[in-house]
Amino acid sequence: MSKKLIVFDWNGVIIADTLACLYADNMVLKAFRGKPVNLKTYRETFRIPANDFYAMQGADKKELAQKSKKCGDIFHEYYEKRVSRIRTRKNIKKVLEWLKRNNFESVILSNHTIKGIDNQLIRLKIKDYFLKVLATSDKSTSMKKKSKFQKLKSYLKGYNKNKVFIIGDSPEEVEIGRKLGIKRIALTGGYFSNQRLKQSNPDYMINNLKEIINILKKCK
């Protein structure tokens, strides 16, 4: 029997950290003379690499490129102050338990750091649900480039792509899924506006994680 795999984005999907990231990104913008944004503008304009987002808000692109490490350090300094109090997205534990009972493997694909994710998985008592964390060891990586596609492409060797789903709150996961030929589920209420998610053309667009269960039941 082919292995069934669910690929979860981390930020804004498993952990409800959109406001923490907004706060941290605004601190980066202040440090690089950009204009801080509200949540609505954030969801309408945020993108990876984050330096592109900062430049859109008035920060100097050349300085950002030269000081990516400083960007990463500032972001993580303010993000980590808040993340220890942040909960998971609603129903994620229920979904993870269902996946486990039904023999789905679950992995995390993220622009965040492996260490940062592992710390929160332990705190939230959900680490054992995940087979692997596909993320970065460098705080500045997401400032400079996208790296998720190549990580997942390498990991999927040996999997039947008809039995792989990717779940994210951004057009990036939808794009990755399209390139890799796997099913794409977009979750609202994270980092990106509903309009941007809809325009990315996912296979499914959901408002609550528990909707994943019915999607997977229908796709058996």
C-alpha atoms as a PDB file:
ATOM      1  CA  MET A   1       0.000   0.000   0.000  1.00  0.00           C
ATOM      2  CA  SER A   2       1.342   3.459  -0.914  1.00  0.00           C
ATOM      3  CA  LYS A   3       2.092   5.759   1.977  1.00  0.00           C
ATOM      4  CA  LYS A   4      -0.335   8.648   2.498  1.00  0.00           C
ATOM      5  CA  LEU A   5       1.316  11.963   3.336  1.00  0.00           C
ATOM      6  CA  ILE A   6       0.046  15.304   4.615  1.00  0.00           C
ATOM      7  CA  VAL A   7       2.447  18.238   4.358  1.00  0.00           C
ATOM      8  CA  PHE A   8       1.637  21.068   6.777  1.00  0.00           C
ATOM      9  CA  ASP A   9       2.916  24.604   6.621  1.00  0.00           C
ATOM     10  CA  TRP A  10       3.848  25.762  10.130  1.00  0.00           C
ATOM     11  CA  ASN A  11       3.242  29.487  10.642  1.00  0.00           C
ATOM     12  CA  GLY A  12      -0.427  30.409  10.481  1.00  0.00           C
ATOM     13  CA  VAL A  13      -1.525  26.796   9.932  1.00  0.00           C
ATOM     14  CA  ILE A  14      -0.433  24.680  12.885  1.00  0.00           C
ATOM     15  CA  ILE A  15       0.376  27.600  15.153  1.00  0.00           C
ATOM     16  CA  ALA A  16      -1.818  30.715  15.354  1.00  0.00           C
ATOM     17  CA  ASP A  17       1.057  33.179  15.179  1.00  0.00           C
ATOM     18  CA  THR A  18      -0.025  35.699  12.548  1.00  0.00           C
ATOM     19  CA  LEU A  19      -0.175  38.602  15.018  1.00  0.00           C
ATOM     20  CA  ALA A  20       3.196  37.674  16.518  1.00  0.00           C
ATOM     21  CA  CYS A  21       4.766  37.698  13.060  1.00  0.00           C
ATOM     22  CA  LEU A  22       3.063  40.985  12.207  1.00  0.00           C
ATOM     23  CA  TYR A  23       4.569  42.501  15.356  1.00  0.00           C
ATOM     24  CA  ALA A  24       8.043  41.121  14.626  1.00  0.00           C
ATOM     25  CA  ASP A  25       7.959  42.176  10.974  1.00  0.00           C
ATOM     26  CA  ASN A  26       6.913  45.679  12.000  1.00  0.00           C
ATOM     27  CA  MET A  27       9.941  45.844  14.301  1.00  0.00           C
ATOM     28  CA  VAL A  28      12.142  44.957  11.327  1.00  0.00           C
ATOM     29  CA  LEU A  29      10.446  47.674   9.278  1.00  0.00           C
ATOM     30  CA  LYS A  30      11.094  50.246  12.004  1.00  0.00           C
ATOM     31  CA  ALA A  31      14.764  49.231  12.175  1.00  0.00           C
ATOM     32  CA  PHE A  32      15.167  49.635   8.407  1.00  0.00           C
ATOM     33  CA  ARG A  33      13.124  52.846   8.093  1.00  0.00           C
ATOM     34  CA  GLY A  34      10.118  51.201   6.524  1.00  0.00           C
ATOM     35  CA  LYS A  35       6.480  51.937   7.363  1.00  0.00           C
ATOM     36  CA  PRO A  36       4.799  49.525   9.831  1.00  0.00           C
ATOM     37  CA  VAL A  37       1.516  48.021   8.616  1.00  0.00           C
ATOM     38  CA  ASN A  38      -1.782  46.878  10.101  1.00  0.00           C
ATOM     39  CA  LEU A  39      -3.135  43.334   9.826  1.00  0.00           C
ATOM     40  CA  LYS A  40      -5.251  44.043   6.728  1.00  0.00           C
ATOM     41  CA  THR A  41      -2.296  45.481   4.807  1.00  0.00           C
ATOM     42  CA  TYR A  42      -0.070  42.675   6.052  1.00  0.00           C
ATOM     43  CA  ARG A  43      -2.391  40.009   4.682  1.00  0.00           C
ATOM     44  CA  GLU A  44      -2.688  41.864   1.386  1.00  0.00           C
ATOM     45  CA  THR A  45       1.058  42.418   0.858  1.00  0.00           C
ATOM     46  CA  PHE A  46       3.185  39.927   2.833  1.00  0.00           C
ATOM     47  CA  ARG A  47       5.443  37.654   0.782  1.00  0.00           C
ATOM     48  CA  ILE A  48       8.538  35.464   0.886  1.00  0.00           C
ATOM     49  CA  PRO A  49      11.371  36.387   0.607  1.00  0.00           C
ATOM     50  CA  ALA A  50      10.503  38.758   3.456  1.00  0.00           C
ATOM     51  CA  ASN A  51      12.993  41.333   2.143  1.00  0.00           C
ATOM     52  CA  ASP A  52      10.627  41.884  -0.803  1.00  0.00           C
ATOM     53  CA  PHE A  53       7.814  42.651   1.648  1.00  0.00           C
ATOM     54  CA  TYR A  54      10.001  45.027   3.666  1.00  0.00           C
ATOM     55  CA  ALA A  55      11.042  46.844   0.481  1.00  0.00           C
ATOM     56  CA  MET A  56       7.369  47.260  -0.496  1.00  0.00           C
ATOM     57  CA  GLN A  57       6.847  49.060   2.814  1.00  0.00           C
ATOM     58  CA  GLY A  58       9.666  51.523   2.208  1.00  0.00           C
ATOM     59  CA  ALA A  59      12.776  49.794   3.554  1.00  0.00           C
ATOM     60  CA  ASP A  60      15.925  50.079   1.436  1.00  0.00           C
ATOM     61  CA  LYS A  61      16.320  46.936  -0.671  1.00  0.00           C
ATOM     62  CA  LYS A  62      20.098  47.214  -0.938  1.00  0.00           C
ATOM     63  CA  GLU A  63      20.532  47.636   2.810  1.00  0.00           C
ATOM     64  CA  LEU A  64      18.195  44.702   3.446  1.00  0.00           C
ATOM     65  CA  ALA A  65      20.272  42.486   1.158  1.00  0.00           C
ATOM     66  CA  GLN A  66      23.483  43.520   2.882  1.00  0.00           C
ATOM     67  CA  LYS A  67      22.086  43.007   6.380  1.00  0.00           C
ATOM     68  CA  SER A  68      19.899  39.896   6.065  1.00  0.00           C
ATOM     69  CA  LYS A  69      21.380  38.461   9.265  1.00  0.00           C
ATOM     70  CA  LYS A  70      20.376  41.598  11.160  1.00  0.00           C
ATOM     71  CA  CYS A  71      16.842  41.298   9.721  1.00  0.00           C
ATOM     72  CA  GLY A  72      16.613  37.697  10.876  1.00  0.00           C
ATOM     73  CA  ASP A  73      17.984  38.490  14.320  1.00  0.00           C
ATOM     74  CA  ILE A  74      15.518  41.346  14.869  1.00  0.00           C
ATOM     75  CA  PHE A  75      12.564  39.303  13.655  1.00  0.00           C
ATOM     76  CA  HIS A  76      13.361  36.293  15.843  1.00  0.00           C
ATOM     77  CA  GLU A  77      14.145  38.443  18.895  1.00  0.00           C
ATOM     78  CA  TYR A  78      10.635  39.905  18.914  1.00  0.00           C
ATOM     79  CA  TYR A  79       8.842  36.829  17.576  1.00  0.00           C
ATOM     80  CA  GLU A  80      10.318  34.490  20.209  1.00  0.00           C
ATOM     81  CA  LYS A  81       9.196  36.839  22.990  1.00  0.00           C
ATOM     82  CA  ARG A  82       5.586  36.178  21.998  1.00  0.00           C
ATOM     83  CA  VAL A  83       5.524  32.671  20.582  1.00  0.00           C
ATOM     84  CA  SER A  84       5.785  30.927  23.963  1.00  0.00           C
ATOM     85  CA  ARG A  85       2.233  32.109  24.746  1.00  0.00           C
ATOM     86  CA  ILE A  86       0.677  31.277  21.381  1.00  0.00           C
ATOM     87  CA  ARG A  87      -1.810  28.446  20.895  1.00  0.00           C
ATOM     88  CA  THR A  88      -2.342  26.130  17.959  1.00  0.00           C
ATOM     89  CA  ARG A  89      -4.946  26.807  15.281  1.00  0.00           C
ATOM     90  CA  LYS A  90      -8.358  25.476  16.250  1.00  0.00           C
ATOM     91  CA  ASN A  91      -8.880  21.720  15.755  1.00  0.00           C
ATOM     92  CA  ILE A  92      -5.302  20.913  14.716  1.00  0.00           C
ATOM     93  CA  LYS A  93      -4.932  18.302  17.471  1.00  0.00           C
ATOM     94  CA  LYS A  94      -8.200  16.665  16.447  1.00  0.00           C
ATOM     95  CA  VAL A  95      -6.998  16.523  12.828  1.00  0.00           C
ATOM     96  CA  LEU A  96      -3.568  15.156  13.764  1.00  0.00           C
ATOM     97  CA  GLU A  97      -5.144  12.420  15.863  1.00  0.00           C
ATOM     98  CA  TRP A  98      -7.474  11.457  13.006  1.00  0.00           C
ATOM     99  CA  LEU A  99      -4.557  11.340  10.567  1.00  0.00           C
ATOM    100  CA  LYS A 100      -2.620   9.095  12.911  1.00  0.00           C
ATOM    101  CA  ARG A 101      -5.552   6.707  13.337  1.00  0.00           C
ATOM    102  CA  ASN A 102      -6.003   6.516   9.574  1.00  0.00           C
ATOM    103  CA  ASN A 103      -2.343   5.825   8.782  1.00  0.00           C
ATOM    104  CA  PHE A 104      -1.412   9.177   7.269  1.00  0.00           C
ATOM    105  CA  GLU A 105       2.128  10.402   7.732  1.00  0.00           C
ATOM    106  CA  SER A 106       2.446  14.089   8.657  1.00  0.00           C
ATOM    107  CA  VAL A 107       5.408  16.398   8.067  1.00  0.00           C
ATOM    108  CA  ILE A 108       6.011  20.123   8.493  1.00  0.00           C
ATOM    109  CA  LEU A 109       7.345  22.296   5.662  1.00  0.00           C
ATOM    110  CA  SER A 110       8.406  25.767   6.745  1.00  0.00           C
ATOM    111  CA  ASN A 111      10.528  28.857   6.168  1.00  0.00           C
ATOM    112  CA  HIS A 112      10.951  29.007   9.958  1.00  0.00           C
ATOM    113  CA  THR A 113      13.876  27.445  11.842  1.00  0.00           C
ATOM    114  CA  ILE A 114      13.964  23.764  12.802  1.00  0.00           C
ATOM    115  CA  LYS A 115      14.995  24.651  16.358  1.00  0.00           C
ATOM    116  CA  GLY A 116      12.179  27.161  16.760  1.00  0.00           C
ATOM    117  CA  ILE A 117       9.572  24.716  15.470  1.00  0.00           C
ATOM    118  CA  ASP A 118      10.855  21.831  17.597  1.00  0.00           C
ATOM    119  CA  ASN A 119      10.686  23.982  20.727  1.00  0.00           C
ATOM    120  CA  GLN A 120       7.042  24.824  20.073  1.00  0.00           C
ATOM    121  CA  LEU A 121       6.078  21.271  19.090  1.00  0.00           C
ATOM    122  CA  ILE A 122       7.367  20.103  22.461  1.00  0.00           C
ATOM    123  CA  ARG A 123       5.614  22.926  24.339  1.00  0.00           C
ATOM    124  CA  LEU A 124       2.332  22.245  22.557  1.00  0.00           C
ATOM    125  CA  LYS A 125       2.685  18.471  23.057  1.00  0.00           C
ATOM    126  CA  ILE A 126       2.259  17.601  19.367  1.00  0.00           C
ATOM    127  CA  LYS A 127       5.817  16.665  18.350  1.00  0.00           C
ATOM    128  CA  ASP A 128       5.066  12.922  18.171  1.00  0.00           C
ATOM    129  CA  TYR A 129       2.500  13.453  15.408  1.00  0.00           C
ATOM    130  CA  PHE A 130       5.151  14.576  12.920  1.00  0.00           C
ATOM    131  CA  LEU A 131       7.600  12.350  11.111  1.00  0.00           C
ATOM    132  CA  LYS A 132       9.867  15.175   9.963  1.00  0.00           C
ATOM    133  CA  VAL A 133      10.367  18.946  10.082  1.00  0.00           C
ATOM    134  CA  LEU A 134      11.537  20.305   6.727  1.00  0.00           C
ATOM    135  CA  ALA A 135      12.756  23.780   7.631  1.00  0.00           C
ATOM    136  CA  THR A 136      15.920  25.868   7.897  1.00  0.00           C
ATOM    137  CA  SER A 137      18.798  26.159  10.348  1.00  0.00           C
ATOM    138  CA  ASP A 138      19.536  29.774   9.373  1.00  0.00           C
ATOM    139  CA  LYS A 139      17.415  32.617  10.779  1.00  0.00           C
ATOM    140  CA  SER A 140      18.001  34.785   7.713  1.00  0.00           C
ATOM    141  CA  THR A 141      17.053  32.280   4.981  1.00  0.00           C
ATOM    142  CA  SER A 142      13.434  33.405   4.598  1.00  0.00           C
ATOM    143  CA  MET A 143      14.598  37.019   4.376  1.00  0.00           C
ATOM    144  CA  LYS A 144      16.607  36.294   1.225  1.00  0.00           C
ATOM    145  CA  LYS A 145      14.980  33.448  -0.689  1.00  0.00           C
ATOM    146  CA  LYS A 146      12.352  30.736  -0.986  1.00  0.00           C
ATOM    147  CA  SER A 147      13.628  27.287  -0.030  1.00  0.00           C
ATOM    148  CA  LYS A 148      10.555  25.151   0.634  1.00  0.00           C
ATOM    149  CA  PHE A 149      10.050  23.794  -2.877  1.00  0.00           C
ATOM    150  CA  GLN A 150      13.417  22.064  -3.129  1.00  0.00           C
ATOM    151  CA  LYS A 151      13.143  20.617   0.383  1.00  0.00           C
ATOM    152  CA  LEU A 152       9.790  19.015  -0.370  1.00  0.00           C
ATOM    153  CA  LYS A 153      10.781  17.873  -3.848  1.00  0.00           C
ATOM    154  CA  SER A 154      13.680  15.905  -2.366  1.00  0.00           C
ATOM    155  CA  TYR A 155      11.551  14.502   0.455  1.00  0.00           C
ATOM    156  CA  LEU A 156       8.778  13.206  -1.818  1.00  0.00           C
ATOM    157  CA  LYS A 157      10.959  10.624  -3.536  1.00  0.00           C
ATOM    158  CA  GLY A 158       9.280   7.274  -2.939  1.00  0.00           C
ATOM    159  CA  TYR A 159       5.800   8.713  -2.381  1.00  0.00           C
ATOM    160  CA  ASN A 160       2.850   8.313  -4.741  1.00  0.00           C
ATOM    161  CA  LYS A 161       1.953  11.943  -5.483  1.00  0.00           C
ATOM    162  CA  ASN A 162      -1.716  11.019  -5.808  1.00  0.00           C
ATOM    163  CA  LYS A 163      -1.665  10.353  -2.062  1.00  0.00           C
ATOM    164  CA  VAL A 164       0.109  13.544  -0.989  1.00  0.00           C
ATOM    165  CA  PHE A 165      -1.631  16.745   0.154  1.00  0.00           C
ATOM    166  CA  ILE A 166      -0.074  20.088   1.068  1.00  0.00           C
ATOM    167  CA  ILE A 167      -1.891  22.446   3.460  1.00  0.00           C
ATOM    168  CA  GLY A 168      -0.902  26.092   3.803  1.00  0.00           C
ATOM    169  CA  ASP A 169      -2.153  29.606   4.409  1.00  0.00           C
ATOM    170  CA  SER A 170      -0.271  31.192   1.514  1.00  0.00           C
ATOM    171  CA  PRO A 171      -0.044  31.104  -2.291  1.00  0.00           C
ATOM    172  CA  GLU A 172       3.482  29.694  -1.848  1.00  0.00           C
ATOM    173  CA  GLU A 173       2.205  26.279  -0.734  1.00  0.00           C
ATOM    174  CA  VAL A 174      -0.348  26.255  -3.558  1.00  0.00           C
ATOM    175  CA  GLU A 175       2.417  27.029  -6.054  1.00  0.00           C
ATOM    176  CA  ILE A 176       4.654  24.308  -4.597  1.00  0.00           C
ATOM    177  CA  GLY A 177       1.826  21.788  -4.770  1.00  0.00           C
ATOM    178  CA  ARG A 178       1.079  22.679  -8.378  1.00  0.00           C
ATOM    179  CA  LYS A 179       4.726  22.272  -9.414  1.00  0.00           C
ATOM    180  CA  LEU A 180       4.993  18.919  -7.646  1.00  0.00           C
ATOM    181  CA  GLY A 181       1.653  17.558  -8.853  1.00  0.00           C
ATOM    182  CA  ILE A 182       0.095  17.099  -5.406  1.00  0.00           C
ATOM    183  CA  LYS A 183      -3.287  18.182  -4.011  1.00  0.00           C
ATOM    184  CA  ARG A 184      -3.399  21.703  -2.572  1.00  0.00           C
ATOM    185  CA  ILE A 185      -5.472  22.878   0.404  1.00  0.00           C
ATOM    186  CA  ALA A 186      -5.493  26.591   1.330  1.00  0.00           C
ATOM    187  CA  LEU A 187      -6.457  27.605   4.887  1.00  0.00           C
ATOM    188  CA  THR A 188      -7.909  31.070   5.547  1.00  0.00           C
ATOM    189  CA  GLY A 189      -7.296  33.156   8.664  1.00  0.00           C
ATOM    190  CA  GLY A 190      -3.496  33.083   8.534  1.00  0.00           C
ATOM    191  CA  TYR A 191      -0.985  35.415   6.906  1.00  0.00           C
ATOM    192  CA  PHE A 192      -2.774  36.009   3.611  1.00  0.00           C
ATOM    193  CA  SER A 193      -6.088  37.531   2.576  1.00  0.00           C
ATOM    194  CA  ASN A 194      -8.859  35.292   1.289  1.00  0.00           C
ATOM    195  CA  GLN A 195      -8.670  37.039  -2.077  1.00  0.00           C
ATOM    196  CA  ARG A 196      -4.973  36.207  -2.520  1.00  0.00           C
ATOM    197  CA  LEU A 197      -5.590  32.597  -1.551  1.00  0.00           C
ATOM    198  CA  LYS A 198      -8.497  32.279  -3.965  1.00  0.00           C
ATOM    199  CA  GLN A 199      -6.458  33.809  -6.789  1.00  0.00           C
ATOM    200  CA  SER A 200      -3.729  31.202  -6.241  1.00  0.00           C
ATOM    201  CA  ASN A 201      -6.287  28.562  -7.322  1.00  0.00           C
ATOM    202  CA  PRO A 202      -5.975  25.793  -4.709  1.00  0.00           C
ATOM    203  CA  ASP A 203      -7.836  22.505  -5.109  1.00  0.00           C
ATOM    204  CA  TYR A 204      -9.640  23.212  -1.836  1.00  0.00           C
ATOM    205  CA  MET A 205     -10.071  26.350   0.270  1.00  0.00           C
ATOM    206  CA  ILE A 206     -11.099  25.865   3.903  1.00  0.00           C
ATOM    207  CA  ASN A 207     -11.869  28.065   6.910  1.00  0.00           C
ATOM    208  CA  ASN A 208     -11.350  25.456   9.627  1.00  0.00           C
ATOM    209  CA  LEU A 209      -8.763  22.699   9.844  1.00  0.00           C
ATOM    210  CA  LYS A 210     -11.371  20.058  10.669  1.00  0.00           C
ATOM    211  CA  GLU A 211     -12.622  20.379   7.065  1.00  0.00           C
ATOM    212  CA  ILE A 212      -9.477  18.481   6.054  1.00  0.00           C
ATOM    213  CA  ILE A 213     -10.966  15.266   7.421  1.00  0.00           C
ATOM    214  CA  ASN A 214     -13.944  15.296   5.036  1.00  0.00           C
ATOM    215  CA  ILE A 215     -11.697  16.175   2.090  1.00  0.00           C
ATOM    216  CA  LEU A 216      -9.442  13.217   2.815  1.00  0.00           C
ATOM    217  CA  LYS A 217     -12.390  10.857   3.316  1.00  0.00           C
ATOM    218  CA  LYS A 218     -13.735  11.779  -0.126  1.00  0.00           C
ATOM    219  CA  CYS A 219     -10.341  11.296  -1.746  1.00  0.00           C
ATOM    220  CA  LYS A 220      -9.789   7.749  -0.474  1.00  0.00           C
END
